[in-house]
């Protein structure tokens, strides 16, 4: 009888140990899943904040372009056509951003699609500068641009790169002193491209 009780006790201890191990394993899995969810939520918050910024900038440019067109003045038909073409480009950019938001809302992942194509970074910067010039005029700021001669070939998403450049330009314009000149440069050498924006605005504390 004693040996039978001992065997039952050993079996119960084994079952208990197995349950404890299973609970411990499941606890670790839940903690890992919770960590992943928290990280995903944080990344989504950052993404939404970025999208909000990227939507605000083209909206500001759109308003500026529309106000310039409404003032009319001595602008030629060709100048009005250029303005309308920029407005269409901005609308396409905003459409793509809205599609990103819809994609994020429908998907369980936070992946963003990129349209990778061979391109010249000079052309990409020219697109961003055309929009930035509208913002600069509204704020009484000038833009001085220096670009290396020749082409600056790369592979990337022209729309995304133009958005990133415009955000940097927008921030430089927003925080520049009135009447200031913002220095913009694009240099390409040894397979590297350097895009630089400098403004003489107030210093940012460390």
Protein backbone atom coordinates (compact mmCIF):
# COMPACT_ATOMS: atom_id res chain seq x y z
CA UNK A 1 0.00 0.00 0.00
CA UNK A 2 2.83 2.35 0.89
CA UNK A 3 4.55 1.73 -2.41
CA UNK A 4 1.30 2.34 -4.27
CA UNK A 5 0.75 5.63 -2.44
CA UNK A 6 4.31 6.65 -3.17
CA UNK A 7 3.83 5.88 -6.84
CA UNK A 8 0.61 7.93 -6.92
CA UNK A 9 2.37 10.79 -5.13
CA UNK A 10 5.21 10.70 -7.65
CA UNK A 11 2.73 10.68 -10.52
CA UNK A 12 0.88 13.66 -9.06
CA UNK A 13 4.14 15.56 -8.61
CA UNK A 14 5.05 14.81 -12.21
CA UNK A 15 1.68 16.06 -13.42
CA UNK A 16 2.02 19.17 -11.25
CA UNK A 17 5.51 19.85 -12.60
CA UNK A 18 4.22 19.41 -16.14
CA UNK A 19 1.38 21.86 -15.51
CA UNK A 20 3.76 24.38 -13.99
CA UNK A 21 6.06 24.10 -17.00
CA UNK A 22 3.11 24.51 -19.37
CA UNK A 23 1.86 27.58 -17.46
CA UNK A 24 5.36 29.05 -17.49
CA UNK A 25 5.70 28.44 -21.24
CA UNK A 26 2.29 29.94 -21.99
CA UNK A 27 3.12 32.94 -19.78
CA UNK A 28 6.30 33.59 -21.75
CA UNK A 29 4.39 33.28 -25.03
CA UNK A 30 1.75 35.74 -23.82
CA UNK A 31 4.43 38.19 -22.68
CA UNK A 32 6.15 37.94 -26.06
CA UNK A 33 2.85 38.46 -27.87
CA UNK A 34 2.04 41.45 -25.66
CA UNK A 35 5.47 42.96 -26.36
CA UNK A 36 4.95 42.52 -30.10
CA UNK A 37 1.52 44.14 -29.91
CA UNK A 38 2.88 47.08 -27.93
CA UNK A 39 5.68 47.53 -30.47
CA UNK A 40 3.20 47.31 -33.34
CA UNK A 41 0.90 49.88 -31.72
CA UNK A 42 3.85 52.21 -31.17
CA UNK A 43 4.96 51.86 -34.79
CA UNK A 44 1.41 52.53 -35.99
CA UNK A 45 1.22 55.67 -33.85
CA UNK A 46 4.49 56.91 -35.35
CA UNK A 47 3.28 56.05 -38.83
CA UNK A 48 0.01 57.92 -38.33
CA UNK A 49 1.92 60.94 -37.01
CA UNK A 50 4.16 60.87 -40.08
CA UNK A 51 1.17 60.55 -42.40
CA UNK A 52 -0.47 63.52 -40.67
CA UNK A 53 2.64 65.61 -41.28
CA UNK A 54 2.92 64.48 -44.88
CA UNK A 55 -0.73 65.31 -45.55
CA UNK A 56 -0.45 68.76 -43.98
CA UNK A 57 2.47 69.82 -46.18
CA UNK A 58 0.85 69.15 -49.60
CA UNK A 59 -2.40 70.68 -48.32
CA UNK A 60 -0.52 73.88 -47.47
CA UNK A 61 1.10 73.90 -50.91
CA UNK A 62 -2.26 73.25 -52.59
CA UNK A 63 -3.79 76.21 -50.80
CA UNK A 64 -0.87 78.40 -51.79
CA UNK A 65 -1.01 77.34 -55.44
CA UNK A 66 -4.77 77.93 -55.55
CA UNK A 67 -4.43 81.38 -53.96
CA UNK A 68 -1.75 82.37 -56.47
CA UNK A 69 -3.95 81.18 -59.37
CA UNK A 70 -6.96 83.09 -58.01
CA UNK A 71 -4.98 86.32 -57.77
CA UNK A 72 -4.38 85.99 -61.49
CA UNK A 73 -2.41 89.10 -62.37
CA UNK A 74 -0.15 88.96 -65.39
CA UNK A 75 0.41 85.19 -65.31
CA UNK A 76 0.46 83.53 -68.71
CA UNK A 77 -1.58 80.54 -69.80
CA UNK A 78 1.56 78.41 -69.57
CA UNK A 79 2.14 79.54 -65.96
CA UNK A 80 -1.44 78.65 -65.08
CA UNK A 81 -0.93 75.27 -66.76
CA UNK A 82 2.22 74.65 -64.65
CA UNK A 83 0.26 75.53 -61.51
CA UNK A 84 -2.53 73.12 -62.39
CA UNK A 85 0.00 70.36 -63.13
CA UNK A 86 1.56 70.83 -59.67
CA UNK A 87 -1.90 70.73 -58.10
CA UNK A 88 -2.61 67.44 -59.88
CA UNK A 89 0.73 66.01 -58.67
CA UNK A 90 -0.05 67.02 -55.10
CA UNK A 91 -3.52 65.46 -55.32
CA UNK A 92 -1.92 62.23 -56.55
CA UNK A 93 0.55 62.34 -53.66
CA UNK A 94 -2.25 62.84 -51.13
CA UNK A 95 -4.27 60.04 -52.74
CA UNK A 96 -1.34 57.70 -52.23
CA UNK A 97 -1.05 58.72 -48.57
CA UNK A 98 -4.76 58.07 -48.03
CA UNK A 99 -4.35 54.66 -49.69
CA UNK A 100 -1.57 53.93 -47.19
CA UNK A 101 -3.95 54.74 -44.35
CA UNK A 102 -6.60 52.44 -45.79
CA UNK A 103 -4.03 49.70 -46.31
CA UNK A 104 -2.90 50.01 -42.70
CA UNK A 105 -6.49 49.93 -41.45
CA UNK A 106 -7.27 46.74 -43.38
CA UNK A 107 -4.04 44.86 -42.75
CA UNK A 108 -2.59 43.31 -39.61
CA UNK A 109 0.92 44.35 -40.63
CA UNK A 110 2.38 47.82 -40.87
CA UNK A 111 4.25 47.26 -44.15
CA UNK A 112 4.30 50.16 -46.61
CA UNK A 113 4.60 49.64 -50.34
CA UNK A 114 7.41 51.28 -52.29
CA UNK A 115 7.55 51.73 -56.05
CA UNK A 116 11.27 51.22 -56.66
CA UNK A 117 12.43 52.59 -60.03
CA UNK A 118 15.67 53.95 -61.51
CA UNK A 119 15.63 57.73 -61.15
CA UNK A 120 17.70 60.91 -61.11
CA UNK A 121 17.71 62.57 -57.70
CA UNK A 122 18.01 65.97 -59.39
CA UNK A 123 14.52 65.47 -60.85
CA UNK A 124 13.16 64.36 -57.48
CA UNK A 125 14.59 67.45 -55.75
CA UNK A 126 13.19 69.73 -58.47
CA UNK A 127 9.70 68.40 -57.72
CA UNK A 128 10.12 69.06 -53.99
CA UNK A 129 11.59 72.53 -54.64
CA UNK A 130 8.62 73.53 -56.82
CA UNK A 131 6.28 72.91 -53.88
CA UNK A 132 8.69 74.35 -51.31
CA UNK A 133 8.92 77.60 -53.28
CA UNK A 134 5.22 78.20 -52.67
CA UNK A 135 5.72 77.72 -48.92
CA UNK A 136 8.80 79.96 -48.98
CA UNK A 137 6.96 82.81 -50.69
CA UNK A 138 4.19 82.63 -48.08
CA UNK A 139 6.76 82.97 -45.28
CA UNK A 140 8.95 85.59 -46.93
CA UNK A 141 11.87 83.18 -47.22
CA UNK A 142 14.25 82.59 -50.14
CA UNK A 143 15.71 79.25 -51.26
CA UNK A 144 19.18 79.00 -52.74
CA UNK A 145 19.91 75.65 -54.38
CA UNK A 146 23.22 74.06 -55.34
CA UNK A 147 23.22 70.79 -57.27
CA UNK A 148 26.22 68.88 -58.53
CA UNK A 149 26.52 68.86 -62.35
CA UNK A 150 25.57 65.78 -64.30
CA UNK A 151 23.11 63.13 -63.25
CA UNK A 152 22.66 61.65 -59.80
CA UNK A 153 21.32 58.19 -60.50
CA UNK A 154 19.68 56.04 -57.84
CA UNK A 155 16.96 53.45 -57.40
CA UNK A 156 14.07 54.37 -55.17
CA UNK A 157 10.51 55.58 -54.86
CA UNK A 158 10.43 59.06 -56.42
CA UNK A 159 7.19 60.02 -54.67
CA UNK A 160 8.41 58.94 -51.23
CA UNK A 161 11.78 60.63 -51.69
CA UNK A 162 10.13 63.83 -52.84
CA UNK A 163 7.86 63.73 -49.76
CA UNK A 164 10.86 63.30 -47.46
CA UNK A 165 12.72 66.19 -49.10
CA UNK A 166 9.64 68.42 -48.94
CA UNK A 167 9.16 67.72 -45.23
CA UNK A 168 12.77 68.79 -44.55
CA UNK A 169 12.27 71.91 -46.67
CA UNK A 170 8.92 72.66 -45.00
CA UNK A 171 10.48 72.49 -41.52
CA UNK A 172 13.40 74.69 -42.60
CA UNK A 173 11.00 77.29 -44.02
CA UNK A 174 8.69 77.19 -41.02
CA UNK A 175 11.47 77.85 -38.51
CA UNK A 176 13.58 80.25 -40.58
CA UNK A 177 13.82 83.92 -39.71
CA UNK A 178 11.70 86.17 -41.96
CA UNK A 179 13.68 87.32 -44.98
CA UNK A 180 16.24 84.55 -44.49
CA UNK A 181 17.78 82.43 -47.23
CA UNK A 182 17.66 78.64 -46.93
CA UNK A 183 20.62 76.81 -48.44
CA UNK A 184 19.77 73.54 -50.21
CA UNK A 185 22.34 71.25 -51.79
CA UNK A 186 22.50 67.85 -53.44
CA UNK A 187 25.89 66.24 -53.95
CA UNK A 188 26.56 62.83 -55.51
CA UNK A 189 29.92 61.02 -55.50
CA UNK A 190 31.31 57.52 -55.04
CA UNK A 191 27.87 55.92 -55.10
CA UNK A 192 26.57 58.20 -52.31
CA UNK A 193 24.08 61.07 -52.39
CA UNK A 194 23.95 63.81 -49.75
CA UNK A 195 20.89 66.08 -49.49
CA UNK A 196 21.43 69.02 -47.14
CA UNK A 197 19.06 71.76 -45.95
CA UNK A 198 20.33 74.63 -43.80
CA UNK A 199 18.39 77.55 -42.39
CA UNK A 200 19.49 80.51 -40.22
CA UNK A 201 16.65 80.07 -37.76
CA UNK A 202 16.81 80.11 -33.96
CA UNK A 203 19.00 77.51 -32.30
CA UNK A 204 17.38 74.33 -30.98
CA UNK A 205 18.34 73.51 -27.35
CA UNK A 206 20.47 70.40 -26.90
